[in-house]
Amino acid sequence: MERSLIIIKPDALQRGLVGEITKRFETKGLKLTGCKMIQLDSEILKIHYAHLADKPFFPGISAFMQSTPVIAQIWEGFEAVEAVRIIVGITKARAADAGTVRGDLAMSFQNNVVHASDSVENAEIEVKRFFEESEVFKYDKTMDEHVYAGDEK
C-alpha cells in the first residue's frame, strides 16, 4: 500500500475546513495512519519547498505556512498518491475541477487549503520529513474488504 502526505494549510485551519477535507479522504476509502498538529518553522519549509526556495515569492509562502499551526496527515491505500492528487485537484485552486478539495474550497494558488505529495517517491520522503516512525500507525481497517478487490490489497 502507498502512503501520501497531506498538509492541511493555515487557510483551511482558519476557515474551519479540517473536518471537511479529512472527510473527503475517508469517504474515498483511504486509511488515516498518521495525524498531528504542528507549527512549521523556516528550516523545514526551506527543505520541503526546496524547489521554490530561491523564488522571489518564497518568503510569502514561508510566512503563510508559519502563520498558524498546520495539520499533517498520512493517508494510505492502493495507489494512494494518485487517488489523493485526484481528490485534491490542481494547485491553482480557482481553476481546479468542481468536486475536488481545491475546486470546492479554495480560490488561490498559494492559499489552496492543502499540500499533497506529488509522487510516490516524494510521498516517502515527505512522510519521513514530518513523522517519526512511532507516529505512523499500522492497523487493519475492517472495511477494506468492501473498498478494494482481493488483488488490490
N, C-alpha and C. Protein backbone atom coordinates (compact mmCIF):
# COMPACT_ATOMS: atom_id res chain seq x y z
N MET A 1 0.84 -1.19 0.00
CA MET A 1 0.00 0.00 0.00
C MET A 1 0.88 1.24 0.00
N GLU A 2 0.47 2.24 -0.74
CA GLU A 2 1.18 3.52 -0.78
C GLU A 2 0.70 4.42 0.34
N ARG A 3 1.58 5.37 0.67
CA ARG A 3 1.21 6.44 1.61
C ARG A 3 1.38 7.77 0.92
N SER A 4 0.55 8.72 1.29
CA SER A 4 0.65 10.08 0.78
C SER A 4 0.56 11.05 1.96
N LEU A 5 1.36 12.10 1.90
CA LEU A 5 1.31 13.14 2.92
C LEU A 5 0.33 14.23 2.49
N ILE A 6 -0.47 14.64 3.42
CA ILE A 6 -1.34 15.81 3.25
C ILE A 6 -0.97 16.79 4.35
N ILE A 7 -0.83 18.05 4.00
CA ILE A 7 -0.71 19.11 5.00
C ILE A 7 -1.93 20.00 4.81
N ILE A 8 -2.74 20.07 5.83
CA ILE A 8 -3.88 20.98 5.81
C ILE A 8 -3.34 22.34 6.25
N LYS A 9 -3.38 23.29 5.31
CA LYS A 9 -2.69 24.57 5.44
C LYS A 9 -3.42 25.55 6.37
N PRO A 10 -2.72 26.64 6.73
CA PRO A 10 -3.30 27.64 7.64
C PRO A 10 -4.65 28.19 7.20
N ASP A 11 -4.85 28.41 5.90
CA ASP A 11 -6.13 28.96 5.46
C ASP A 11 -7.28 28.00 5.75
N ALA A 12 -7.05 26.70 5.59
CA ALA A 12 -8.08 25.71 5.89
C ALA A 12 -8.35 25.64 7.39
N LEU A 13 -7.30 25.71 8.19
CA LEU A 13 -7.47 25.68 9.64
C LEU A 13 -8.27 26.90 10.10
N GLN A 14 -7.92 28.07 9.59
CA GLN A 14 -8.62 29.30 9.96
C GLN A 14 -10.09 29.30 9.52
N ARG A 15 -10.37 28.65 8.42
CA ARG A 15 -11.73 28.63 7.87
C ARG A 15 -12.56 27.47 8.39
N GLY A 16 -11.99 26.63 9.25
CA GLY A 16 -12.75 25.52 9.82
C GLY A 16 -13.02 24.40 8.84
N LEU A 17 -12.05 24.11 7.96
CA LEU A 17 -12.24 23.12 6.92
C LEU A 17 -11.55 21.78 7.18
N VAL A 18 -10.94 21.62 8.34
CA VAL A 18 -10.18 20.40 8.63
C VAL A 18 -11.07 19.16 8.50
N GLY A 19 -12.25 19.19 9.10
CA GLY A 19 -13.15 18.05 9.04
C GLY A 19 -13.63 17.76 7.64
N GLU A 20 -13.98 18.80 6.89
CA GLU A 20 -14.45 18.63 5.51
C GLU A 20 -13.36 18.00 4.65
N ILE A 21 -12.13 18.47 4.79
CA ILE A 21 -11.02 17.93 3.99
C ILE A 21 -10.75 16.49 4.39
N THR A 22 -10.68 16.22 5.67
CA THR A 22 -10.43 14.86 6.16
C THR A 22 -11.53 13.92 5.67
N LYS A 23 -12.75 14.37 5.70
CA LYS A 23 -13.89 13.55 5.26
C LYS A 23 -13.74 13.09 3.82
N ARG A 24 -13.18 13.94 2.97
CA ARG A 24 -13.03 13.58 1.55
C ARG A 24 -12.17 12.33 1.39
N PHE A 25 -11.09 12.25 2.16
CA PHE A 25 -10.19 11.09 2.06
C PHE A 25 -10.81 9.86 2.71
N GLU A 26 -11.50 10.06 3.83
CA GLU A 26 -12.18 8.95 4.49
C GLU A 26 -13.28 8.38 3.60
N THR A 27 -14.05 9.24 2.99
CA THR A 27 -15.15 8.81 2.13
C THR A 27 -14.63 8.02 0.93
N LYS A 28 -13.48 8.41 0.43
CA LYS A 28 -12.87 7.70 -0.71
C LYS A 28 -12.50 6.28 -0.33
N GLY A 29 -12.22 6.05 0.96
CA GLY A 29 -11.83 4.72 1.41
C GLY A 29 -10.38 4.62 1.81
N LEU A 30 -9.66 5.75 1.82
CA LEU A 30 -8.27 5.73 2.26
C LEU A 30 -8.20 5.57 3.77
N LYS A 31 -7.06 5.12 4.25
CA LYS A 31 -6.88 4.87 5.68
C LYS A 31 -5.93 5.90 6.27
N LEU A 32 -6.38 6.56 7.33
CA LEU A 32 -5.56 7.54 8.04
C LEU A 32 -4.60 6.79 8.95
N THR A 33 -3.29 6.95 8.70
CA THR A 33 -2.30 6.23 9.51
C THR A 33 -1.41 7.17 10.31
N GLY A 34 -1.58 8.47 10.15
CA GLY A 34 -0.84 9.45 10.94
C GLY A 34 -1.54 10.79 10.88
N CYS A 35 -1.59 11.47 12.02
CA CYS A 35 -2.26 12.77 12.06
C CYS A 35 -1.74 13.55 13.26
N LYS A 36 -1.30 14.80 13.00
CA LYS A 36 -0.87 15.64 14.11
C LYS A 36 -0.90 17.11 13.70
N MET A 37 -1.06 17.96 14.71
CA MET A 37 -0.97 19.40 14.51
C MET A 37 0.46 19.81 14.83
N ILE A 38 1.04 20.59 13.93
CA ILE A 38 2.42 21.03 14.13
C ILE A 38 2.56 22.49 13.71
N GLN A 39 3.54 23.15 14.30
CA GLN A 39 3.91 24.50 13.89
C GLN A 39 5.16 24.39 13.04
N LEU A 40 5.08 24.78 11.80
CA LEU A 40 6.23 24.69 10.90
C LEU A 40 7.20 25.82 11.17
N ASP A 41 8.48 25.56 10.93
CA ASP A 41 9.48 26.62 11.05
C ASP A 41 10.17 26.81 9.70
N SER A 42 10.95 27.86 9.60
CA SER A 42 11.58 28.20 8.31
C SER A 42 12.53 27.11 7.82
N GLU A 43 13.16 26.41 8.75
CA GLU A 43 14.10 25.35 8.36
C GLU A 43 13.40 24.23 7.60
N ILE A 44 12.32 23.71 8.16
CA ILE A 44 11.61 22.61 7.49
C ILE A 44 10.95 23.08 6.20
N LEU A 45 10.52 24.33 6.16
CA LEU A 45 9.90 24.86 4.95
C LEU A 45 10.93 25.01 3.82
N LYS A 46 12.15 25.41 4.15
CA LYS A 46 13.20 25.50 3.13
C LYS A 46 13.51 24.14 2.54
N ILE A 47 13.45 23.12 3.35
CA ILE A 47 13.67 21.75 2.87
C ILE A 47 12.47 21.28 2.06
N HIS A 48 11.29 21.44 2.62
CA HIS A 48 10.07 20.95 1.99
C HIS A 48 9.80 21.64 0.66
N TYR A 49 10.04 22.93 0.61
CA TYR A 49 9.82 23.70 -0.62
C TYR A 49 11.15 24.08 -1.27
N ALA A 50 12.12 23.18 -1.24
CA ALA A 50 13.45 23.45 -1.81
C ALA A 50 13.36 23.88 -3.27
N HIS A 51 12.42 23.33 -4.00
CA HIS A 51 12.26 23.67 -5.42
C HIS A 51 11.74 25.10 -5.62
N LEU A 52 11.31 25.74 -4.54
CA LEU A 52 10.80 27.12 -4.61
C LEU A 52 11.63 28.10 -3.78
N ALA A 53 12.58 27.59 -3.00
CA ALA A 53 13.28 28.42 -2.02
C ALA A 53 14.02 29.61 -2.62
N ASP A 54 14.41 29.53 -3.88
CA ASP A 54 15.14 30.64 -4.50
C ASP A 54 14.22 31.59 -5.28
N LYS A 55 12.93 31.34 -5.25
CA LYS A 55 11.97 32.17 -5.97
C LYS A 55 11.62 33.42 -5.15
N PRO A 56 11.32 34.53 -5.80
CA PRO A 56 11.01 35.76 -5.08
C PRO A 56 9.75 35.66 -4.22
N PHE A 57 8.85 34.74 -4.53
CA PHE A 57 7.62 34.61 -3.75
C PHE A 57 7.75 33.65 -2.57
N PHE A 58 8.93 33.00 -2.42
CA PHE A 58 9.08 32.04 -1.33
C PHE A 58 8.90 32.65 0.07
N PRO A 59 9.41 33.85 0.35
CA PRO A 59 9.17 34.42 1.69
C PRO A 59 7.69 34.52 2.03
N GLY A 60 6.85 34.82 1.05
CA GLY A 60 5.42 34.87 1.28
C GLY A 60 4.84 33.50 1.61
N ILE A 61 5.29 32.48 0.90
CA ILE A 61 4.85 31.11 1.18
C ILE A 61 5.27 30.72 2.59
N SER A 62 6.51 31.02 2.93
CA SER A 62 7.04 30.67 4.24
C SER A 62 6.26 31.36 5.36
N ALA A 63 6.00 32.65 5.19
CA ALA A 63 5.24 33.39 6.20
C ALA A 63 3.83 32.82 6.34
N PHE A 64 3.20 32.53 5.21
CA PHE A 64 1.85 31.96 5.22
C PHE A 64 1.84 30.61 5.95
N MET A 65 2.77 29.73 5.62
CA MET A 65 2.78 28.39 6.20
C MET A 65 3.14 28.40 7.69
N GLN A 66 3.74 29.49 8.16
CA GLN A 66 4.07 29.62 9.58
C GLN A 66 3.04 30.45 10.35
N SER A 67 2.02 30.95 9.66
CA SER A 67 1.09 31.88 10.30
C SER A 67 0.20 31.22 11.36
N THR A 68 -0.05 29.95 11.24
CA THR A 68 -0.78 29.16 12.25
C THR A 68 -0.22 27.75 12.20
N PRO A 69 -0.58 26.92 13.16
CA PRO A 69 -0.21 25.50 13.02
C PRO A 69 -0.89 24.92 11.78
N VAL A 70 -0.40 23.77 11.36
CA VAL A 70 -1.00 23.02 10.26
C VAL A 70 -1.32 21.62 10.77
N ILE A 71 -2.11 20.90 10.00
CA ILE A 71 -2.41 19.51 10.32
C ILE A 71 -1.70 18.64 9.29
N ALA A 72 -0.81 17.78 9.75
CA ALA A 72 -0.13 16.84 8.87
C ALA A 72 -0.83 15.48 8.99
N GLN A 73 -1.11 14.88 7.85
CA GLN A 73 -1.79 13.59 7.84
C GLN A 73 -1.09 12.65 6.86
N ILE A 74 -1.16 11.37 7.17
CA ILE A 74 -0.71 10.33 6.24
C ILE A 74 -1.94 9.52 5.86
N TRP A 75 -2.15 9.40 4.56
CA TRP A 75 -3.26 8.60 4.03
C TRP A 75 -2.68 7.42 3.26
N GLU A 76 -3.21 6.26 3.50
CA GLU A 76 -2.68 5.03 2.93
C GLU A 76 -3.76 4.33 2.11
N GLY A 77 -3.32 3.69 1.03
CA GLY A 77 -4.25 2.92 0.21
C GLY A 77 -3.59 2.48 -1.08
N PHE A 78 -4.29 1.67 -1.84
CA PHE A 78 -3.83 1.22 -3.14
C PHE A 78 -3.76 2.43 -4.07
N GLU A 79 -2.57 2.67 -4.63
CA GLU A 79 -2.33 3.84 -5.48
C GLU A 79 -2.81 5.13 -4.82
N ALA A 80 -2.47 5.26 -3.54
CA ALA A 80 -2.94 6.38 -2.72
C ALA A 80 -2.48 7.74 -3.23
N VAL A 81 -1.25 7.84 -3.71
CA VAL A 81 -0.75 9.15 -4.15
C VAL A 81 -1.59 9.68 -5.30
N GLU A 82 -1.86 8.85 -6.29
CA GLU A 82 -2.68 9.27 -7.41
C GLU A 82 -4.11 9.60 -6.96
N ALA A 83 -4.67 8.75 -6.10
CA ALA A 83 -6.03 8.98 -5.61
C ALA A 83 -6.12 10.31 -4.87
N VAL A 84 -5.14 10.59 -4.02
CA VAL A 84 -5.13 11.84 -3.27
C VAL A 84 -5.01 13.04 -4.21
N ARG A 85 -4.15 12.94 -5.21
CA ARG A 85 -3.99 14.05 -6.16
C ARG A 85 -5.29 14.34 -6.90
N ILE A 86 -6.03 13.30 -7.24
CA ILE A 86 -7.32 13.49 -7.92
C ILE A 86 -8.31 14.17 -6.98
N ILE A 87 -8.36 13.72 -5.73
CA ILE A 87 -9.28 14.30 -4.75
C ILE A 87 -8.95 15.77 -4.50
N VAL A 88 -7.66 16.10 -4.43
CA VAL A 88 -7.20 17.44 -4.10
C VAL A 88 -7.41 18.42 -5.26
N GLY A 89 -7.13 18.01 -6.47
CA GLY A 89 -7.24 18.91 -7.61
C GLY A 89 -5.94 19.67 -7.86
N ILE A 90 -5.92 20.44 -8.93
CA ILE A 90 -4.70 21.15 -9.33
C ILE A 90 -4.36 22.27 -8.36
N THR A 91 -3.10 22.68 -8.38
CA THR A 91 -2.58 23.68 -7.44
C THR A 91 -3.31 25.01 -7.55
N LYS A 92 -3.57 25.46 -8.76
CA LYS A 92 -4.26 26.74 -8.96
C LYS A 92 -5.74 26.51 -8.67
N ALA A 93 -6.12 26.76 -7.43
CA ALA A 93 -7.43 26.35 -6.92
C ALA A 93 -8.59 26.91 -7.72
N ARG A 94 -8.51 28.15 -8.18
CA ARG A 94 -9.65 28.73 -8.89
C ARG A 94 -9.89 28.04 -10.24
N ALA A 95 -8.92 27.29 -10.72
CA ALA A 95 -9.07 26.54 -11.98
C ALA A 95 -9.28 25.04 -11.73
N ALA A 96 -9.28 24.63 -10.46
CA ALA A 96 -9.45 23.21 -10.13
C ALA A 96 -10.89 22.78 -10.40
N ASP A 97 -11.03 21.54 -10.79
CA ASP A 97 -12.36 20.99 -11.09
C ASP A 97 -13.28 21.04 -9.87
N ALA A 98 -14.55 21.35 -10.12
CA ALA A 98 -15.57 21.23 -9.08
C ALA A 98 -15.59 19.78 -8.61
N GLY A 99 -15.79 19.60 -7.33
CA GLY A 99 -15.77 18.26 -6.75
C GLY A 99 -14.45 17.92 -6.10
N THR A 100 -13.37 18.65 -6.45
CA THR A 100 -12.09 18.44 -5.79
C THR A 100 -12.03 19.34 -4.55
N VAL A 101 -11.11 19.02 -3.66
CA VAL A 101 -10.95 19.82 -2.45
C VAL A 101 -10.66 21.27 -2.82
N ARG A 102 -9.67 21.48 -3.67
CA ARG A 102 -9.32 22.86 -4.05
C ARG A 102 -10.41 23.50 -4.89
N GLY A 103 -11.00 22.75 -5.80
CA GLY A 103 -12.05 23.29 -6.65
C GLY A 103 -13.27 23.75 -5.86
N ASP A 104 -13.57 23.05 -4.78
CA ASP A 104 -14.74 23.38 -3.97
C ASP A 104 -14.45 24.37 -2.85
N LEU A 105 -13.20 24.39 -2.35
CA LEU A 105 -12.94 25.10 -1.10
C LEU A 105 -11.93 26.23 -1.19
N ALA A 106 -11.33 26.48 -2.36
CA ALA A 106 -10.27 27.49 -2.43
C ALA A 106 -10.32 28.25 -3.75
N MET A 107 -9.65 29.40 -3.77
CA MET A 107 -9.57 30.25 -4.96
C MET A 107 -8.14 30.63 -5.32
N SER A 108 -7.19 30.35 -4.47
CA SER A 108 -5.84 30.87 -4.60
C SER A 108 -4.85 29.83 -5.11
N PHE A 109 -3.73 30.30 -5.60
CA PHE A 109 -2.61 29.42 -5.96
C PHE A 109 -1.86 29.01 -4.70
N GLN A 110 -1.62 29.97 -3.81
CA GLN A 110 -0.89 29.70 -2.56
C GLN A 110 -1.83 29.24 -1.45
N ASN A 111 -2.89 29.95 -1.23
CA ASN A 111 -3.85 29.62 -0.17
C ASN A 111 -4.86 28.63 -0.75
N ASN A 112 -4.36 27.41 -1.01
CA ASN A 112 -5.18 26.41 -1.68
C ASN A 112 -5.52 25.23 -0.76
N VAL A 113 -5.59 25.47 0.50
CA VAL A 113 -6.05 24.64 1.62
C VAL A 113 -5.24 23.39 1.93
N VAL A 114 -4.55 22.79 0.97
CA VAL A 114 -3.78 21.58 1.26
C VAL A 114 -2.51 21.48 0.42
N HIS A 115 -1.55 20.79 1.00
CA HIS A 115 -0.40 20.29 0.24
C HIS A 115 -0.62 18.79 0.12
N ALA A 116 -0.32 18.22 -1.05
CA ALA A 116 -0.40 16.78 -1.24
C ALA A 116 0.86 16.30 -1.96
N SER A 117 1.37 15.17 -1.54
CA SER A 117 2.54 14.59 -2.21
C SER A 117 2.25 14.43 -3.70
N ASP A 118 3.27 14.73 -4.53
CA ASP A 118 3.04 14.69 -5.98
C ASP A 118 3.57 13.44 -6.67
N SER A 119 4.24 12.57 -5.92
CA SER A 119 4.73 11.31 -6.49
C SER A 119 4.94 10.31 -5.35
N VAL A 120 5.02 9.06 -5.71
CA VAL A 120 5.27 8.03 -4.70
C VAL A 120 6.61 8.27 -4.01
N GLU A 121 7.61 8.64 -4.80
CA GLU A 121 8.95 8.88 -4.25
C GLU A 121 8.93 10.06 -3.28
N ASN A 122 8.30 11.15 -3.67
CA ASN A 122 8.23 12.32 -2.78
C ASN A 122 7.37 12.03 -1.56
N ALA A 123 6.34 11.24 -1.71
CA ALA A 123 5.50 10.89 -0.56
C ALA A 123 6.33 10.17 0.51
N GLU A 124 7.16 9.24 0.09
CA GLU A 124 8.01 8.52 1.05
C GLU A 124 8.94 9.48 1.79
N ILE A 125 9.52 10.42 1.07
CA ILE A 125 10.43 11.41 1.66
C ILE A 125 9.65 12.33 2.60
N GLU A 126 8.50 12.81 2.15
CA GLU A 126 7.71 13.76 2.94
C GLU A 126 7.16 13.14 4.21
N VAL A 127 6.71 11.91 4.13
CA VAL A 127 6.21 11.23 5.34
C VAL A 127 7.31 11.17 6.39
N LYS A 128 8.51 10.81 5.96
CA LYS A 128 9.65 10.73 6.90
C LYS A 128 10.07 12.11 7.40
N ARG A 129 9.85 13.13 6.59
CA ARG A 129 10.19 14.50 6.99
C ARG A 129 9.30 14.99 8.13
N PHE A 130 8.04 14.62 8.10
CA PHE A 130 7.08 15.17 9.06
C PHE A 130 6.65 14.20 10.17
N PHE A 131 6.96 12.92 10.02
CA PHE A 131 6.54 11.93 11.01
C PHE A 131 7.68 11.02 11.42
N GLU A 132 7.80 10.81 12.72
CA GLU A 132 8.67 9.75 13.25
C GLU A 132 7.96 8.42 13.00
N GLU A 133 8.72 7.35 12.90
CA GLU A 133 8.10 6.04 12.67
C GLU A 133 7.09 5.70 13.76
N SER A 134 7.35 6.13 14.99
CA SER A 134 6.43 5.84 16.10
C SER A 134 5.10 6.59 15.98
N GLU A 135 5.02 7.57 15.08
CA GLU A 135 3.80 8.34 14.89
C GLU A 135 2.95 7.82 13.72
N VAL A 136 3.46 6.78 13.06
CA VAL A 136 2.75 6.17 11.94
C VAL A 136 2.17 4.86 12.43
N PHE A 137 0.87 4.72 12.29
CA PHE A 137 0.17 3.57 12.87
C PHE A 137 -0.19 2.54 11.82
N LYS A 138 -0.05 1.28 12.22
CA LYS A 138 -0.44 0.15 11.38
C LYS A 138 -1.62 -0.52 12.06
N TYR A 139 -2.69 -0.68 11.33
CA TYR A 139 -3.87 -1.35 11.88
C TYR A 139 -4.71 -1.86 10.72
N ASP A 140 -5.53 -2.83 11.00
CA ASP A 140 -6.44 -3.35 10.00
C ASP A 140 -7.68 -2.49 9.97
N LYS A 141 -8.05 -2.09 8.79
CA LYS A 141 -9.29 -1.34 8.60
C LYS A 141 -10.31 -2.35 8.07
N THR A 142 -11.24 -2.70 8.90
CA THR A 142 -12.13 -3.81 8.57
C THR A 142 -12.96 -3.58 7.32
N MET A 143 -13.17 -2.34 6.93
CA MET A 143 -13.98 -2.09 5.74
C MET A 143 -13.18 -2.22 4.44
N ASP A 144 -11.85 -2.45 4.53
CA ASP A 144 -11.03 -2.57 3.32
C ASP A 144 -11.56 -3.63 2.37
N GLU A 145 -12.13 -4.71 2.90
CA GLU A 145 -12.65 -5.76 2.02
C GLU A 145 -13.82 -5.24 1.18
N HIS A 146 -14.41 -4.12 1.58
CA HIS A 146 -15.50 -3.53 0.82
C HIS A 146 -15.03 -2.36 -0.05
N VAL A 147 -13.76 -1.99 0.10
CA VAL A 147 -13.21 -0.88 -0.67
C VAL A 147 -12.37 -1.40 -1.83
N TYR A 148 -11.60 -2.47 -1.60
CA TYR A 148 -10.66 -2.99 -2.59
C TYR A 148 -11.04 -4.40 -3.03
N ALA A 149 -10.73 -4.71 -4.27
CA ALA A 149 -10.81 -6.09 -4.75
C ALA A 149 -9.65 -6.86 -4.15
N GLY A 150 -9.77 -8.16 -4.08
CA GLY A 150 -8.75 -9.00 -3.44
C GLY A 150 -7.34 -8.78 -3.94
N ASP A 151 -7.14 -8.57 -5.24
CA ASP A 151 -5.79 -8.41 -5.78
C ASP A 151 -5.24 -7.00 -5.59
N GLU A 152 -6.01 -6.08 -5.02
CA GLU A 152 -5.55 -4.72 -4.79
C GLU A 152 -5.09 -4.51 -3.35
N LYS A 153 -5.25 -5.48 -2.51
CA LYS A 153 -4.87 -5.33 -1.10
C LYS A 153 -3.42 -5.67 -0.90
